[in-house]
């Protein structure tokens, strides 16, 4: 299971974080692979938006939890088109 650190994007607009998450899922994650994304939560909206974004893509959010005071982890499985 690989981990992708999106915490350096904490000062970027939420849309930029979601675009980066989508780009990683498209280019670096194989179908049925499970990966972890780390976010620094300045405002909780990014967590809700990320969960909705993952669901809209047709991928599976397996877990979403606070890692420490400011960091959040999302565990995501890339779903193939026939499984969605």
N, C-alpha and C. Protein backbone atom coordinates (compact mmCIF):
# COMPACT_ATOMS: atom_id res chain seq x y z
N UNK A 1 0.85 -1.17 0.00
CA UNK A 1 0.00 0.00 0.00
C UNK A 1 0.90 1.24 0.00
N UNK A 2 0.66 2.10 -0.98
CA UNK A 2 1.48 3.31 -1.09
C UNK A 2 0.77 4.49 -0.44
N UNK A 3 1.56 5.46 -0.04
CA UNK A 3 1.03 6.67 0.58
C UNK A 3 1.42 7.87 -0.26
N UNK A 4 0.46 8.77 -0.45
CA UNK A 4 0.69 10.00 -1.19
C UNK A 4 0.43 11.16 -0.25
N UNK A 5 1.41 12.03 -0.13
CA UNK A 5 1.35 13.13 0.81
C UNK A 5 0.88 14.40 0.11
N UNK A 6 -0.34 14.81 0.42
CA UNK A 6 -0.90 16.04 -0.14
C UNK A 6 -0.80 17.21 0.85
N UNK A 7 -0.13 16.99 1.97
CA UNK A 7 0.00 18.04 2.98
C UNK A 7 0.72 19.29 2.47
N UNK A 8 1.68 19.18 1.55
CA UNK A 8 2.31 20.41 1.04
C UNK A 8 1.33 21.34 0.32
N UNK A 9 0.14 20.83 -0.05
CA UNK A 9 -0.85 21.64 -0.75
C UNK A 9 -1.80 22.35 0.21
N UNK A 10 -1.49 22.35 1.50
CA UNK A 10 -2.41 22.89 2.51
C UNK A 10 -2.80 24.34 2.27
N UNK A 11 -1.94 25.12 1.63
CA UNK A 11 -2.25 26.52 1.39
C UNK A 11 -2.91 26.76 0.03
N UNK A 12 -3.08 25.70 -0.73
CA UNK A 12 -3.72 25.79 -2.04
C UNK A 12 -5.24 25.71 -1.88
N UNK A 13 -5.99 26.21 -2.86
CA UNK A 13 -7.45 26.06 -2.81
C UNK A 13 -7.83 24.58 -2.82
N UNK A 14 -8.97 24.26 -2.23
CA UNK A 14 -9.40 22.86 -2.18
C UNK A 14 -9.48 22.23 -3.56
N UNK A 15 -9.87 23.00 -4.55
CA UNK A 15 -9.97 22.48 -5.91
C UNK A 15 -8.61 21.97 -6.42
N UNK A 16 -7.54 22.65 -6.07
CA UNK A 16 -6.20 22.22 -6.48
C UNK A 16 -5.84 20.89 -5.81
N UNK A 17 -6.21 20.73 -4.55
CA UNK A 17 -5.95 19.47 -3.84
C UNK A 17 -6.73 18.34 -4.49
N UNK A 18 -8.00 18.57 -4.80
CA UNK A 18 -8.83 17.55 -5.44
C UNK A 18 -8.30 17.20 -6.83
N UNK A 19 -7.86 18.21 -7.57
CA UNK A 19 -7.29 17.94 -8.89
C UNK A 19 -6.04 17.08 -8.78
N UNK A 20 -5.20 17.35 -7.80
CA UNK A 20 -3.98 16.56 -7.60
C UNK A 20 -4.33 15.13 -7.18
N UNK A 21 -5.30 14.98 -6.29
CA UNK A 21 -5.75 13.65 -5.87
C UNK A 21 -6.23 12.86 -7.10
N UNK A 22 -7.06 13.50 -7.93
CA UNK A 22 -7.55 12.83 -9.14
C UNK A 22 -6.44 12.47 -10.11
N UNK A 23 -5.48 13.37 -10.27
CA UNK A 23 -4.35 13.10 -11.17
C UNK A 23 -3.54 11.91 -10.68
N UNK A 24 -3.33 11.83 -9.39
CA UNK A 24 -2.60 10.68 -8.82
C UNK A 24 -3.38 9.40 -9.05
N UNK A 25 -4.68 9.43 -8.78
CA UNK A 25 -5.49 8.23 -8.98
C UNK A 25 -5.46 7.78 -10.44
N UNK A 26 -5.49 8.74 -11.36
CA UNK A 26 -5.49 8.41 -12.79
C UNK A 26 -4.15 7.89 -13.29
N UNK A 27 -3.05 8.49 -12.81
CA UNK A 27 -1.75 8.17 -13.40
C UNK A 27 -0.88 7.22 -12.59
N UNK A 28 -1.11 7.12 -11.29
CA UNK A 28 -0.18 6.36 -10.46
C UNK A 28 -0.80 5.17 -9.72
N UNK A 29 -2.11 5.00 -9.81
CA UNK A 29 -2.77 3.95 -9.04
C UNK A 29 -3.42 2.96 -10.00
N UNK A 30 -3.12 1.68 -9.81
CA UNK A 30 -3.68 0.63 -10.64
C UNK A 30 -5.08 0.24 -10.15
N UNK A 31 -5.88 -0.29 -11.04
CA UNK A 31 -7.21 -0.77 -10.67
C UNK A 31 -7.08 -1.79 -9.54
N UNK A 32 -7.94 -1.69 -8.55
CA UNK A 32 -7.99 -2.54 -7.36
C UNK A 32 -6.86 -2.28 -6.36
N UNK A 33 -6.03 -1.30 -6.63
CA UNK A 33 -4.97 -0.96 -5.68
C UNK A 33 -5.55 -0.05 -4.58
N UNK A 34 -5.07 -0.25 -3.36
CA UNK A 34 -5.47 0.57 -2.22
C UNK A 34 -4.31 1.49 -1.88
N UNK A 35 -4.62 2.78 -1.72
CA UNK A 35 -3.60 3.78 -1.42
C UNK A 35 -4.08 4.66 -0.26
N UNK A 36 -3.12 5.35 0.34
CA UNK A 36 -3.41 6.26 1.43
C UNK A 36 -3.03 7.67 0.97
N UNK A 37 -3.95 8.61 1.20
CA UNK A 37 -3.67 10.02 0.97
C UNK A 37 -3.60 10.72 2.32
N UNK A 38 -2.60 11.57 2.49
CA UNK A 38 -2.48 12.36 3.72
C UNK A 38 -2.77 13.81 3.37
N UNK A 39 -3.65 14.42 4.17
CA UNK A 39 -4.02 15.81 3.99
C UNK A 39 -3.77 16.56 5.28
N UNK A 40 -3.40 17.82 5.18
CA UNK A 40 -3.36 18.66 6.36
C UNK A 40 -4.66 19.45 6.37
N UNK A 41 -5.43 19.26 7.42
CA UNK A 41 -6.76 19.85 7.48
C UNK A 41 -6.70 21.21 8.17
N UNK A 42 -6.77 22.24 7.35
CA UNK A 42 -6.85 23.60 7.86
C UNK A 42 -8.33 23.89 8.13
N UNK A 43 -9.17 23.34 7.27
CA UNK A 43 -10.61 23.51 7.39
C UNK A 43 -11.24 22.18 6.96
N UNK A 44 -12.20 21.71 7.72
CA UNK A 44 -12.74 20.36 7.54
C UNK A 44 -13.41 20.16 6.17
N UNK A 45 -13.73 21.24 5.47
CA UNK A 45 -14.39 21.12 4.17
C UNK A 45 -13.61 20.23 3.20
N UNK A 46 -12.28 20.26 3.27
CA UNK A 46 -11.50 19.45 2.34
C UNK A 46 -11.74 17.95 2.55
N UNK A 47 -12.00 17.55 3.77
CA UNK A 47 -12.27 16.13 4.03
C UNK A 47 -13.60 15.73 3.38
N UNK A 48 -14.63 16.54 3.60
CA UNK A 48 -15.93 16.25 3.01
C UNK A 48 -15.87 16.30 1.48
N UNK A 49 -15.19 17.29 0.96
CA UNK A 49 -15.07 17.43 -0.50
C UNK A 49 -14.28 16.27 -1.10
N UNK A 50 -13.25 15.81 -0.41
CA UNK A 50 -12.46 14.68 -0.90
C UNK A 50 -13.29 13.40 -0.93
N UNK A 51 -14.06 13.17 0.11
CA UNK A 51 -14.91 11.98 0.16
C UNK A 51 -15.92 12.01 -0.98
N UNK A 52 -16.55 13.15 -1.21
CA UNK A 52 -17.52 13.28 -2.30
C UNK A 52 -16.84 13.11 -3.66
N UNK A 53 -15.63 13.67 -3.80
CA UNK A 53 -14.87 13.58 -5.04
C UNK A 53 -14.53 12.12 -5.37
N UNK A 54 -14.09 11.39 -4.37
CA UNK A 54 -13.73 9.98 -4.56
C UNK A 54 -14.97 9.18 -4.97
N UNK A 55 -16.08 9.43 -4.30
CA UNK A 55 -17.31 8.72 -4.63
C UNK A 55 -17.78 9.08 -6.04
N UNK A 56 -17.70 10.35 -6.40
CA UNK A 56 -18.12 10.79 -7.73
C UNK A 56 -17.28 10.14 -8.83
N UNK A 57 -16.00 9.92 -8.55
CA UNK A 57 -15.11 9.26 -9.51
C UNK A 57 -15.47 7.79 -9.68
N UNK A 58 -16.18 7.22 -8.71
CA UNK A 58 -16.52 5.81 -8.76
C UNK A 58 -15.54 4.94 -8.00
N UNK A 59 -14.62 5.58 -7.27
CA UNK A 59 -13.67 4.82 -6.46
C UNK A 59 -14.27 4.62 -5.07
N UNK A 60 -13.62 3.82 -4.25
CA UNK A 60 -14.17 3.43 -2.96
C UNK A 60 -13.34 4.03 -1.82
N UNK A 61 -14.00 4.81 -0.98
CA UNK A 61 -13.36 5.35 0.21
C UNK A 61 -13.48 4.28 1.31
N UNK A 62 -12.36 3.69 1.68
CA UNK A 62 -12.37 2.61 2.67
C UNK A 62 -12.30 3.14 4.10
N UNK A 63 -11.61 4.27 4.28
CA UNK A 63 -11.47 4.82 5.62
C UNK A 63 -11.08 6.29 5.53
N UNK A 64 -11.51 7.03 6.52
CA UNK A 64 -11.19 8.45 6.61
C UNK A 64 -11.05 8.76 8.09
N UNK A 65 -9.85 9.14 8.50
CA UNK A 65 -9.67 9.39 9.92
C UNK A 65 -8.58 10.40 10.20
N UNK A 66 -8.71 11.01 11.34
CA UNK A 66 -7.71 11.98 11.79
C UNK A 66 -6.49 11.20 12.24
N UNK A 67 -5.34 11.63 11.75
CA UNK A 67 -4.08 10.97 12.07
C UNK A 67 -3.45 11.59 13.32
N UNK A 68 -3.55 12.89 13.43
CA UNK A 68 -3.08 13.62 14.60
C UNK A 68 -3.87 14.92 14.66
N UNK A 69 -3.38 15.94 15.29
CA UNK A 69 -4.17 17.18 15.44
C UNK A 69 -4.56 17.84 14.13
N UNK A 70 -3.71 17.78 13.13
CA UNK A 70 -4.00 18.49 11.88
C UNK A 70 -4.02 17.60 10.64
N UNK A 71 -3.48 16.41 10.73
CA UNK A 71 -3.38 15.55 9.55
C UNK A 71 -4.54 14.58 9.48
N UNK A 72 -4.95 14.31 8.25
CA UNK A 72 -6.07 13.42 7.99
C UNK A 72 -5.62 12.39 6.97
N UNK A 73 -6.06 11.15 7.11
CA UNK A 73 -5.75 10.12 6.13
C UNK A 73 -7.03 9.64 5.45
N UNK A 74 -6.92 9.41 4.16
CA UNK A 74 -7.98 8.81 3.38
C UNK A 74 -7.42 7.53 2.78
N UNK A 75 -8.10 6.43 2.99
CA UNK A 75 -7.71 5.16 2.40
C UNK A 75 -8.68 4.89 1.26
N UNK A 76 -8.14 4.78 0.06
CA UNK A 76 -8.95 4.73 -1.15
C UNK A 76 -8.57 3.52 -1.99
N UNK A 77 -9.59 2.88 -2.54
CA UNK A 77 -9.36 1.77 -3.47
C UNK A 77 -9.84 2.22 -4.85
N UNK A 78 -8.97 2.08 -5.84
CA UNK A 78 -9.35 2.43 -7.21
C UNK A 78 -10.19 1.27 -7.77
N UNK A 79 -11.35 1.62 -8.21
CA UNK A 79 -12.30 0.61 -8.68
C UNK A 79 -12.30 0.60 -10.20
N UNK A 80 -12.30 -0.60 -10.77
CA UNK A 80 -12.37 -0.73 -12.23
C UNK A 80 -13.75 -0.38 -12.72
N UNK A 81 -13.87 -0.05 -14.00
CA UNK A 81 -15.14 0.39 -14.58
C UNK A 81 -16.25 -0.65 -14.42
N UNK A 82 -15.92 -1.93 -14.53
CA UNK A 82 -16.95 -2.95 -14.43
C UNK A 82 -17.39 -3.19 -12.99
N UNK A 83 -16.65 -2.67 -11.99
CA UNK A 83 -16.99 -2.87 -10.59
C UNK A 83 -17.76 -1.71 -10.02
N UNK A 84 -17.75 -0.58 -10.70
CA UNK A 84 -18.35 0.63 -10.14
C UNK A 84 -19.85 0.54 -10.01
